[in-house]
Amino acid sequence: MITALMAGVLIPWGGTLEIGGEVYSLQIADLNIGILYVFAVVSIGVYGIMIGGWASNNKFSLLGAIRASAQMISYELAMGIAIIALIIMTGTLSLGDITRLQGGGVGGHWNFWNVVYQPVGFLLFIICAFAECNRAPFDLAECETELVGGYHTEYSSMKLGFYMFAEYINMFVSSAVISTLYFGGYNFPFMNDLGLSHNAITTLGLVFMFGKVFFFIFFFIWVRWTLPRFRYDQLMNLGWKTLLPLSIVNLLVTAVILILTGK
């Protein structure tokens, strides 16, 4: 849970607000290695799951923890390569810079959102995000018929609650990262053509940012209600035999297009 919260400090929730002559940024921190920081912090979550299952002294919990850890590590590979394609396209690791490069939306001084340039990368990222968050149809760590309740079988009360909180905080942060990287973050269509003040545009941008985040949270929940759970072999085959090669092809195609266009 703490690792997910730590990743949230780099999300640019909005631009800047001018209040009483002072300028306040709606991004807590903007590191020049922002994406690397987010991936490094989120990856630590594997330890929490593994240690939690092992500490239960229950073989089914341990098997669930091993499943969850293998699943997260496997899908992080395809997710990371999909992000590399985005990085070589934007030329920056800063989440703030990536958001500003998508500024304008549609209209004067417009830019397309990155999902237009990286549709395959977006699909790879969101599929891997489901696996990273252990959400259906990738919640193989919690197969009730095989492993009882998975890595948190022996936990109850707030100990179980912390695991549940962590899952939903991860889902919230994943939605924010998806919105930032591929859907313009706090940018919205015609933002440069409305003739609004700087503070008004920033406030509207904050509303649009949370609207995008809530849409993806709804999408996460909608998929859980709709799709059945995969078998574990199907899950790993999808990660290693489909998503990983597809992410490599997407990276190579992006690199070739950038070379041919001279960017």
C-alpha atoms as a PDB file:
ATOM      1  CA  MET A   1       0.000   0.000   0.000  1.00  0.00           C
ATOM      2  CA  ILE A   2       2.813   2.404   0.879  1.00  0.00           C
ATOM      3  CA  THR A   3       4.616   1.683  -2.391  1.00  0.00           C
ATOM      4  CA  ALA A   4       1.475   2.576  -4.347  1.00  0.00           C
ATOM      5  CA  LEU A   5       1.118   5.827  -2.397  1.00  0.00           C
ATOM      6  CA  MET A   6       4.794   6.644  -2.997  1.00  0.00           C
ATOM      7  CA  ALA A   7       4.255   6.262  -6.746  1.00  0.00           C
ATOM      8  CA  GLY A   8       1.415   8.790  -6.607  1.00  0.00           C
ATOM      9  CA  VAL A   9       3.661  11.713  -5.631  1.00  0.00           C
ATOM     10  CA  LEU A  10       4.969  12.028  -9.201  1.00  0.00           C
ATOM     11  CA  ILE A  11       1.554  12.166 -10.883  1.00  0.00           C
ATOM     12  CA  PRO A  12       0.896  15.648 -12.374  1.00  0.00           C
ATOM     13  CA  TRP A  13      -2.698  16.187 -11.240  1.00  0.00           C
ATOM     14  CA  GLY A  14      -2.832  19.636 -12.826  1.00  0.00           C
ATOM     15  CA  GLY A  15      -0.797  22.589 -14.017  1.00  0.00           C
ATOM     16  CA  THR A  16      -0.008  25.545 -11.778  1.00  0.00           C
ATOM     17  CA  LEU A  17      -2.296  27.820  -9.742  1.00  0.00           C
ATOM     18  CA  GLU A  18      -1.535  31.491  -9.120  1.00  0.00           C
ATOM     19  CA  ILE A  19      -2.844  32.571  -5.712  1.00  0.00           C
ATOM     20  CA  GLY A  20      -1.873  35.887  -4.142  1.00  0.00           C
ATOM     21  CA  GLY A  21       1.107  36.297  -6.444  1.00  0.00           C
ATOM     22  CA  GLU A  22       2.451  32.871  -5.526  1.00  0.00           C
ATOM     23  CA  VAL A  23       2.598  29.971  -8.005  1.00  0.00           C
ATOM     24  CA  TYR A  24       1.641  26.531  -6.728  1.00  0.00           C
ATOM     25  CA  SER A  25       2.201  23.335  -8.700  1.00  0.00           C
ATOM     26  CA  LEU A  26      -0.330  20.504  -8.551  1.00  0.00           C
ATOM     27  CA  GLN A  27       2.478  17.982  -8.935  1.00  0.00           C
ATOM     28  CA  ILE A  28       4.226  17.131  -5.673  1.00  0.00           C
ATOM     29  CA  ALA A  29       7.541  16.206  -7.327  1.00  0.00           C
ATOM     30  CA  ASP A  30       8.715  16.165 -10.942  1.00  0.00           C
ATOM     31  CA  LEU A  31      11.820  13.999 -11.219  1.00  0.00           C
ATOM     32  CA  ASN A  32      13.703  13.785 -14.496  1.00  0.00           C
ATOM     33  CA  ILE A  33      13.605   9.986 -14.035  1.00  0.00           C
ATOM     34  CA  GLY A  34       9.932   9.919 -13.064  1.00  0.00           C
ATOM     35  CA  ILE A  35       8.906   6.779 -14.959  1.00  0.00           C
ATOM     36  CA  LEU A  36      11.882   4.828 -13.591  1.00  0.00           C
ATOM     37  CA  TYR A  37      10.959   5.898 -10.061  1.00  0.00           C
ATOM     38  CA  VAL A  38       7.341   4.780 -10.506  1.00  0.00           C
ATOM     39  CA  PHE A  39       8.369   1.368 -11.835  1.00  0.00           C
ATOM     40  CA  ALA A  40      11.008   0.912  -9.139  1.00  0.00           C
ATOM     41  CA  VAL A  41       8.592   1.726  -6.323  1.00  0.00           C
ATOM     42  CA  VAL A  42       5.713  -0.337  -7.715  1.00  0.00           C
ATOM     43  CA  SER A  43       8.021  -3.334  -8.219  1.00  0.00           C
ATOM     44  CA  ILE A  44       8.731  -3.422  -4.482  1.00  0.00           C
ATOM     45  CA  GLY A  45       5.098  -4.494  -3.994  1.00  0.00           C
ATOM     46  CA  VAL A  46       6.132  -8.015  -5.058  1.00  0.00           C
ATOM     47  CA  TYR A  47       8.000  -8.371  -1.753  1.00  0.00           C
ATOM     48  CA  GLY A  48       4.895  -7.567   0.275  1.00  0.00           C
ATOM     49  CA  ILE A  49       2.888 -10.285  -1.443  1.00  0.00           C
ATOM     50  CA  MET A  50       5.664 -12.872  -1.269  1.00  0.00           C
ATOM     51  CA  ILE A  51       6.511 -12.232   2.392  1.00  0.00           C
ATOM     52  CA  GLY A  52       2.816 -12.108   3.325  1.00  0.00           C
ATOM     53  CA  GLY A  53       2.158 -15.529   1.817  1.00  0.00           C
ATOM     54  CA  TRP A  54       5.313 -17.041   3.310  1.00  0.00           C
ATOM     55  CA  ALA A  55       4.642 -15.619   6.794  1.00  0.00           C
ATOM     56  CA  SER A  56       1.233 -17.315   6.900  1.00  0.00           C
ATOM     57  CA  ASN A  57       2.877 -20.726   7.419  1.00  0.00           C
ATOM     58  CA  ASN A  58       0.278 -22.149   5.034  1.00  0.00           C
ATOM     59  CA  LYS A  59       1.292 -24.016   1.891  1.00  0.00           C
ATOM     60  CA  PHE A  60      -1.726 -22.745  -0.057  1.00  0.00           C
ATOM     61  CA  SER A  61      -0.917 -19.147   0.880  1.00  0.00           C
ATOM     62  CA  LEU A  62       2.698 -19.690  -0.158  1.00  0.00           C
ATOM     63  CA  LEU A  63       1.610 -21.133  -3.521  1.00  0.00           C
ATOM     64  CA  GLY A  64      -0.700 -18.150  -4.010  1.00  0.00           C
ATOM     65  CA  ALA A  65       2.145 -15.759  -3.208  1.00  0.00           C
ATOM     66  CA  ILE A  66       4.469 -17.530  -5.661  1.00  0.00           C
ATOM     67  CA  ARG A  67       1.786 -17.357  -8.339  1.00  0.00           C
ATOM     68  CA  ALA A  68       1.171 -13.667  -7.730  1.00  0.00           C
ATOM     69  CA  SER A  69       4.888 -12.830  -7.710  1.00  0.00           C
ATOM     70  CA  ALA A  70       5.589 -14.760 -10.919  1.00  0.00           C
ATOM     71  CA  GLN A  71       2.598 -13.114 -12.557  1.00  0.00           C
ATOM     72  CA  MET A  72       3.666  -9.579 -11.603  1.00  0.00           C
ATOM     73  CA  ILE A  73       7.301 -10.086 -12.635  1.00  0.00           C
ATOM     74  CA  SER A  74       6.276 -11.629 -15.971  1.00  0.00           C
ATOM     75  CA  TYR A  75       3.923  -8.829 -16.946  1.00  0.00           C
ATOM     76  CA  GLU A  76       6.311  -6.101 -15.817  1.00  0.00           C
ATOM     77  CA  LEU A  77       8.583  -7.070 -18.730  1.00  0.00           C
ATOM     78  CA  ALA A  78       5.993  -6.362 -21.429  1.00  0.00           C
ATOM     79  CA  MET A  79       4.850  -3.236 -19.601  1.00  0.00           C
ATOM     80  CA  GLY A  80       8.407  -1.902 -19.360  1.00  0.00           C
ATOM     81  CA  ILE A  81       9.121  -2.462 -23.056  1.00  0.00           C
ATOM     82  CA  ALA A  82       5.840  -0.761 -23.977  1.00  0.00           C
ATOM     83  CA  ILE A  83       6.952   2.235 -21.911  1.00  0.00           C
ATOM     84  CA  ILE A  84      10.381   2.282 -23.628  1.00  0.00           C
ATOM     85  CA  ALA A  85       8.597   2.817 -26.953  1.00  0.00           C
ATOM     86  CA  LEU A  86       6.812   5.808 -25.427  1.00  0.00           C
ATOM     87  CA  ILE A  87      10.051   7.158 -23.955  1.00  0.00           C
ATOM     88  CA  ILE A  88      11.961   7.097 -27.256  1.00  0.00           C
ATOM     89  CA  MET A  89       8.997   8.846 -28.881  1.00  0.00           C
ATOM     90  CA  THR A  90       8.748  11.644 -26.280  1.00  0.00           C
ATOM     91  CA  GLY A  91      12.473  11.840 -25.431  1.00  0.00           C
ATOM     92  CA  THR A  92      11.904  12.268 -21.694  1.00  0.00           C
ATOM     93  CA  LEU A  93      11.370  10.244 -18.516  1.00  0.00           C
ATOM     94  CA  SER A  94       9.607  13.069 -16.670  1.00  0.00           C
ATOM     95  CA  LEU A  95       5.876  12.576 -16.187  1.00  0.00           C
ATOM     96  CA  GLY A  96       5.441  16.345 -16.145  1.00  0.00           C
ATOM     97  CA  ASP A  97       7.195  16.760 -19.501  1.00  0.00           C
ATOM     98  CA  ILE A  98       5.236  13.874 -21.044  1.00  0.00           C
ATOM     99  CA  THR A  99       1.998  15.555 -19.969  1.00  0.00           C
ATOM    100  CA  ARG A 100       3.049  18.972 -21.286  1.00  0.00           C
ATOM    101  CA  LEU A 101       3.985  17.445 -24.663  1.00  0.00           C
ATOM    102  CA  GLN A 102       0.349  16.361 -25.004  1.00  0.00           C
ATOM    103  CA  GLY A 103      -0.947  19.853 -24.180  1.00  0.00           C
ATOM    104  CA  GLY A 104      -3.657  21.460 -26.270  1.00  0.00           C
ATOM    105  CA  GLY A 105      -5.749  18.438 -27.121  1.00  0.00           C
ATOM    106  CA  VAL A 106      -7.596  19.699 -30.219  1.00  0.00           C
ATOM    107  CA  GLY A 107      -7.649  23.221 -31.611  1.00  0.00           C
ATOM    108  CA  GLY A 108      -5.020  25.943 -31.831  1.00  0.00           C
ATOM    109  CA  HIS A 109      -1.476  24.796 -30.940  1.00  0.00           C
ATOM    110  CA  TRP A 110      -2.813  21.241 -30.756  1.00  0.00           C
ATOM    111  CA  ASN A 111      -1.053  17.974 -30.090  1.00  0.00           C
ATOM    112  CA  PHE A 112      -2.509  14.494 -30.211  1.00  0.00           C
ATOM    113  CA  TRP A 113      -2.517  12.434 -27.051  1.00  0.00           C
ATOM    114  CA  ASN A 114       0.050   9.634 -26.969  1.00  0.00           C
ATOM    115  CA  VAL A 115      -2.617   6.954 -27.378  1.00  0.00           C
ATOM    116  CA  VAL A 116      -2.916   8.098 -31.020  1.00  0.00           C
ATOM    117  CA  TYR A 117       0.795   7.440 -31.625  1.00  0.00           C
ATOM    118  CA  GLN A 118       1.062   4.376 -29.364  1.00  0.00           C
ATOM    119  CA  PRO A 119      -2.250   2.453 -29.544  1.00  0.00           C
ATOM    120  CA  VAL A 120      -0.515  -0.928 -29.276  1.00  0.00           C
ATOM    121  CA  GLY A 121       1.602   0.311 -26.383  1.00  0.00           C
ATOM    122  CA  PHE A 122      -1.538   1.500 -24.593  1.00  0.00           C
ATOM    123  CA  LEU A 123      -3.249  -1.880 -25.020  1.00  0.00           C
ATOM    124  CA  LEU A 124      -0.143  -3.657 -23.746  1.00  0.00           C
ATOM    125  CA  PHE A 125       0.123  -1.303 -20.775  1.00  0.00           C
ATOM    126  CA  ILE A 126      -3.494  -1.609 -19.663  1.00  0.00           C
ATOM    127  CA  ILE A 127      -3.502  -5.417 -19.981  1.00  0.00           C
ATOM    128  CA  CYS A 128      -0.309  -5.592 -17.929  1.00  0.00           C
ATOM    129  CA  ALA A 129      -1.831  -3.173 -15.402  1.00  0.00           C
ATOM    130  CA  PHE A 130      -4.649  -5.655 -14.782  1.00  0.00           C
ATOM    131  CA  ALA A 131      -2.083  -8.376 -14.110  1.00  0.00           C
ATOM    132  CA  GLU A 132       0.033  -6.080 -11.918  1.00  0.00           C
ATOM    133  CA  CYS A 133      -2.985  -5.222  -9.771  1.00  0.00           C
ATOM    134  CA  ASN A 134      -4.081  -8.894  -9.550  1.00  0.00           C
ATOM    135  CA  ARG A 135      -7.452  -7.900 -10.966  1.00  0.00           C
ATOM    136  CA  ALA A 136      -9.785 -10.275 -12.816  1.00  0.00           C
ATOM    137  CA  PRO A 137      -9.338 -11.941 -15.241  1.00  0.00           C
ATOM    138  CA  PHE A 138      -5.752 -12.133 -13.906  1.00  0.00           C
ATOM    139  CA  ASP A 139      -6.479 -12.752 -10.202  1.00  0.00           C
ATOM    140  CA  LEU A 140      -4.941 -16.233 -10.326  1.00  0.00           C
ATOM    141  CA  ALA A 141      -3.418 -15.748  -6.893  1.00  0.00           C
ATOM    142  CA  GLU A 142      -6.917 -15.962  -5.397  1.00  0.00           C
ATOM    143  CA  CYS A 143      -8.383 -19.059  -7.091  1.00  0.00           C
ATOM    144  CA  GLU A 144     -10.758 -20.135  -4.354  1.00  0.00           C
ATOM    145  CA  THR A 145     -11.209 -23.679  -5.672  1.00  0.00           C
ATOM    146  CA  GLU A 146      -7.454 -24.295  -5.849  1.00  0.00           C
ATOM    147  CA  LEU A 147      -5.732 -22.084  -3.298  1.00  0.00           C
ATOM    148  CA  VAL A 148      -8.542 -21.133  -0.890  1.00  0.00           C
ATOM    149  CA  GLY A 149      -8.052 -17.342  -0.639  1.00  0.00           C
ATOM    150  CA  GLY A 150      -4.565 -17.056  -2.077  1.00  0.00           C
ATOM    151  CA  TYR A 151      -1.698 -15.342  -0.331  1.00  0.00           C
ATOM    152  CA  HIS A 152      -3.980 -13.660   2.230  1.00  0.00           C
ATOM    153  CA  THR A 153      -5.867 -16.812   3.336  1.00  0.00           C
ATOM    154  CA  GLU A 154      -4.669 -16.552   6.931  1.00  0.00           C
ATOM    155  CA  TYR A 155      -5.356 -12.817   7.287  1.00  0.00           C
ATOM    156  CA  SER A 156      -8.486 -11.179   8.653  1.00  0.00           C
ATOM    157  CA  SER A 157      -9.647  -7.863  10.050  1.00  0.00           C
ATOM    158  CA  MET A 158      -7.406  -4.902   9.152  1.00  0.00           C
ATOM    159  CA  LYS A 159      -4.528  -7.153   8.100  1.00  0.00           C
ATOM    160  CA  LEU A 160      -6.742  -8.359   5.270  1.00  0.00           C
ATOM    161  CA  GLY A 161      -8.048  -4.820   4.863  1.00  0.00           C
ATOM    162  CA  PHE A 162      -4.552  -3.516   4.140  1.00  0.00           C
ATOM    163  CA  TYR A 163      -4.200  -6.015   1.304  1.00  0.00           C
ATOM    164  CA  MET A 164      -7.557  -4.921  -0.114  1.00  0.00           C
ATOM    165  CA  PHE A 165      -6.674  -1.243   0.284  1.00  0.00           C
ATOM    166  CA  ALA A 166      -3.361  -1.844  -1.481  1.00  0.00           C
ATOM    167  CA  GLU A 167      -5.123  -3.496  -4.428  1.00  0.00           C
ATOM    168  CA  TYR A 168      -7.487  -0.577  -4.909  1.00  0.00           C
ATOM    169  CA  ILE A 169      -4.789   2.053  -4.361  1.00  0.00           C
ATOM    170  CA  ASN A 170      -2.722   0.266  -7.011  1.00  0.00           C
ATOM    171  CA  MET A 171      -5.747   0.401  -9.297  1.00  0.00           C
ATOM    172  CA  PHE A 172      -6.136   4.144  -8.657  1.00  0.00           C
ATOM    173  CA  VAL A 173      -2.445   4.869  -9.281  1.00  0.00           C
ATOM    174  CA  SER A 174      -2.435   2.669 -12.398  1.00  0.00           C
ATOM    175  CA  SER A 175      -5.422   4.620 -13.738  1.00  0.00           C
ATOM    176  CA  ALA A 176      -3.605   7.887 -13.040  1.00  0.00           C
ATOM    177  CA  VAL A 177      -0.428   6.671 -14.778  1.00  0.00           C
ATOM    178  CA  ILE A 178      -2.427   5.490 -17.819  1.00  0.00           C
ATOM    179  CA  SER A 179      -4.202   8.852 -17.992  1.00  0.00           C
ATOM    180  CA  THR A 180      -0.889  10.694 -17.732  1.00  0.00           C
ATOM    181  CA  LEU A 181       1.117   8.651 -20.220  1.00  0.00           C
ATOM    182  CA  TYR A 182      -1.478   8.014 -22.920  1.00  0.00           C
ATOM    183  CA  PHE A 183      -4.480  10.309 -22.452  1.00  0.00           C
ATOM    184  CA  GLY A 184      -2.971  13.734 -21.932  1.00  0.00           C
ATOM    185  CA  GLY A 185      -3.149  13.872 -18.142  1.00  0.00           C
ATOM    186  CA  TYR A 186      -4.784  17.140 -17.138  1.00  0.00           C
ATOM    187  CA  ASN A 187      -4.951  18.367 -20.759  1.00  0.00           C
ATOM    188  CA  PHE A 188      -8.339  18.493 -22.458  1.00  0.00           C
ATOM    189  CA  PRO A 189      -9.645  19.316 -25.969  1.00  0.00           C
ATOM    190  CA  PHE A 190      -9.782  22.979 -27.037  1.00  0.00           C
ATOM    191  CA  MET A 191      -8.077  24.085 -23.817  1.00  0.00           C
ATOM    192  CA  ASN A 192      -6.070  26.706 -25.725  1.00  0.00           C
ATOM    193  CA  ASP A 193      -9.079  28.062 -27.623  1.00  0.00           C
ATOM    194  CA  LEU A 194     -11.568  28.766 -24.833  1.00  0.00           C
ATOM    195  CA  GLY A 195     -10.083  32.102 -23.807  1.00  0.00           C
ATOM    196  CA  LEU A 196     -10.140  31.172 -20.121  1.00  0.00           C
ATOM    197  CA  SER A 197      -7.778  32.420 -17.451  1.00  0.00           C
ATOM    198  CA  HIS A 198      -4.775  30.363 -16.400  1.00  0.00           C
ATOM    199  CA  ASN A 199      -6.353  29.367 -13.075  1.00  0.00           C
ATOM    200  CA  ALA A 200      -9.620  28.375 -14.781  1.00  0.00           C
ATOM    201  CA  ILE A 201      -7.777  26.145 -17.259  1.00  0.00           C
ATOM    202  CA  THR A 202      -5.820  24.557 -14.389  1.00  0.00           C
ATOM    203  CA  THR A 203      -9.027  23.907 -12.426  1.00  0.00           C
ATOM    204  CA  LEU A 204     -10.747  22.397 -15.462  1.00  0.00           C
ATOM    205  CA  GLY A 205      -7.628  20.315 -16.119  1.00  0.00           C
ATOM    206  CA  LEU A 206      -7.793  18.936 -12.566  1.00  0.00           C
ATOM    207  CA  VAL A 207     -11.454  17.985 -13.114  1.00  0.00           C
ATOM    208  CA  PHE A 208     -10.629  16.292 -16.431  1.00  0.00           C
ATOM    209  CA  MET A 209      -7.701  14.432 -14.876  1.00  0.00           C
ATOM    210  CA  PHE A 210      -9.859  12.934 -12.147  1.00  0.00           C
ATOM    211  CA  GLY A 211     -12.573  12.221 -14.718  1.00  0.00           C
ATOM    212  CA  LYS A 212     -10.084  10.151 -16.747  1.00  0.00           C
ATOM    213  CA  VAL A 213      -8.887   8.364 -13.605  1.00  0.00           C
ATOM    214  CA  PHE A 214     -12.450   7.511 -12.548  1.00  0.00           C
ATOM    215  CA  PHE A 215     -13.214   6.247 -16.059  1.00  0.00           C
ATOM    216  CA  PHE A 216     -10.328   3.788 -15.907  1.00  0.00           C
ATOM    217  CA  ILE A 217     -11.310   2.712 -12.381  1.00  0.00           C
ATOM    218  CA  PHE A 218     -14.790   2.032 -13.754  1.00  0.00           C
ATOM    219  CA  PHE A 219     -13.152   0.075 -16.595  1.00  0.00           C
ATOM    220  CA  PHE A 220     -11.172  -2.036 -14.102  1.00  0.00           C
ATOM    221  CA  ILE A 221     -14.381  -2.860 -12.181  1.00  0.00           C
ATOM    222  CA  TRP A 222     -16.394  -3.404 -15.370  1.00  0.00           C
ATOM    223  CA  VAL A 223     -13.885  -5.972 -16.664  1.00  0.00           C
ATOM    224  CA  ARG A 224     -13.995  -7.788 -13.302  1.00  0.00           C
ATOM    225  CA  TRP A 225     -17.763  -8.161 -13.657  1.00  0.00           C
ATOM    226  CA  THR A 226     -17.575  -9.227 -17.310  1.00  0.00           C
ATOM    227  CA  LEU A 227     -14.665 -11.553 -18.073  1.00  0.00           C
ATOM    228  CA  PRO A 228     -14.043 -14.993 -16.524  1.00  0.00           C
ATOM    229  CA  ARG A 229     -10.749 -15.882 -14.876  1.00  0.00           C
ATOM    230  CA  PHE A 230      -7.977 -17.384 -17.009  1.00  0.00           C
ATOM    231  CA  ARG A 231      -6.217 -20.629 -16.156  1.00  0.00           C
ATOM    232  CA  TYR A 232      -2.708 -20.082 -14.855  1.00  0.00           C
ATOM    233  CA  ASP A 233      -1.069 -21.599 -17.940  1.00  0.00           C
ATOM    234  CA  GLN A 234      -3.158 -19.297 -20.146  1.00  0.00           C
ATOM    235  CA  LEU A 235      -2.063 -16.341 -18.039  1.00  0.00           C
ATOM    236  CA  MET A 236       1.642 -17.105 -18.372  1.00  0.00           C
ATOM    237  CA  ASN A 237       1.366 -17.996 -22.075  1.00  0.00           C
ATOM    238  CA  LEU A 238      -0.324 -14.659 -22.730  1.00  0.00           C
ATOM    239  CA  GLY A 239       2.445 -12.792 -20.909  1.00  0.00           C
ATOM    240  CA  TRP A 240       5.470 -14.590 -22.343  1.00  0.00           C
ATOM    241  CA  LYS A 241       4.297 -15.773 -25.776  1.00  0.00           C
ATOM    242  CA  THR A 242       2.001 -12.923 -26.841  1.00  0.00           C
ATOM    243  CA  LEU A 243       2.477  -9.671 -24.933  1.00  0.00           C
ATOM    244  CA  LEU A 244       6.278  -9.797 -24.648  1.00  0.00           C
ATOM    245  CA  PRO A 245       6.913 -10.432 -28.397  1.00  0.00           C
ATOM    246  CA  LEU A 246       4.231  -7.893 -29.308  1.00  0.00           C
ATOM    247  CA  SER A 247       5.870  -5.256 -27.082  1.00  0.00           C
ATOM    248  CA  ILE A 248       9.253  -5.905 -28.730  1.00  0.00           C
ATOM    249  CA  VAL A 249       7.696  -5.562 -32.209  1.00  0.00           C
ATOM    250  CA  ASN A 250       5.982  -2.334 -31.119  1.00  0.00           C
ATOM    251  CA  LEU A 251       9.325  -0.986 -29.860  1.00  0.00           C
ATOM    252  CA  LEU A 252      11.117  -1.857 -33.111  1.00  0.00           C
ATOM    253  CA  VAL A 253       8.362  -0.365 -35.291  1.00  0.00           C
ATOM    254  CA  THR A 254       8.377   2.838 -33.219  1.00  0.00           C
ATOM    255  CA  ALA A 255      12.171   3.110 -33.530  1.00  0.00           C
ATOM    256  CA  VAL A 256      12.070   2.543 -37.310  1.00  0.00           C
ATOM    257  CA  ILE A 257       9.349   5.169 -37.799  1.00  0.00           C
ATOM    258  CA  LEU A 258      11.291   7.717 -35.732  1.00  0.00           C
ATOM    259  CA  ILE A 259      14.454   7.037 -37.750  1.00  0.00           C
ATOM    260  CA  LEU A 260      12.621   7.323 -41.100  1.00  0.00           C
ATOM    261  CA  THR A 261      10.883  10.551 -40.082  1.00  0.00           C
ATOM    262  CA  GLY A 262      14.114  12.018 -38.712  1.00  0.00           C
ATOM    263  CA  LYS A 263      12.736  12.679 -35.214  1.00  0.00           C
END
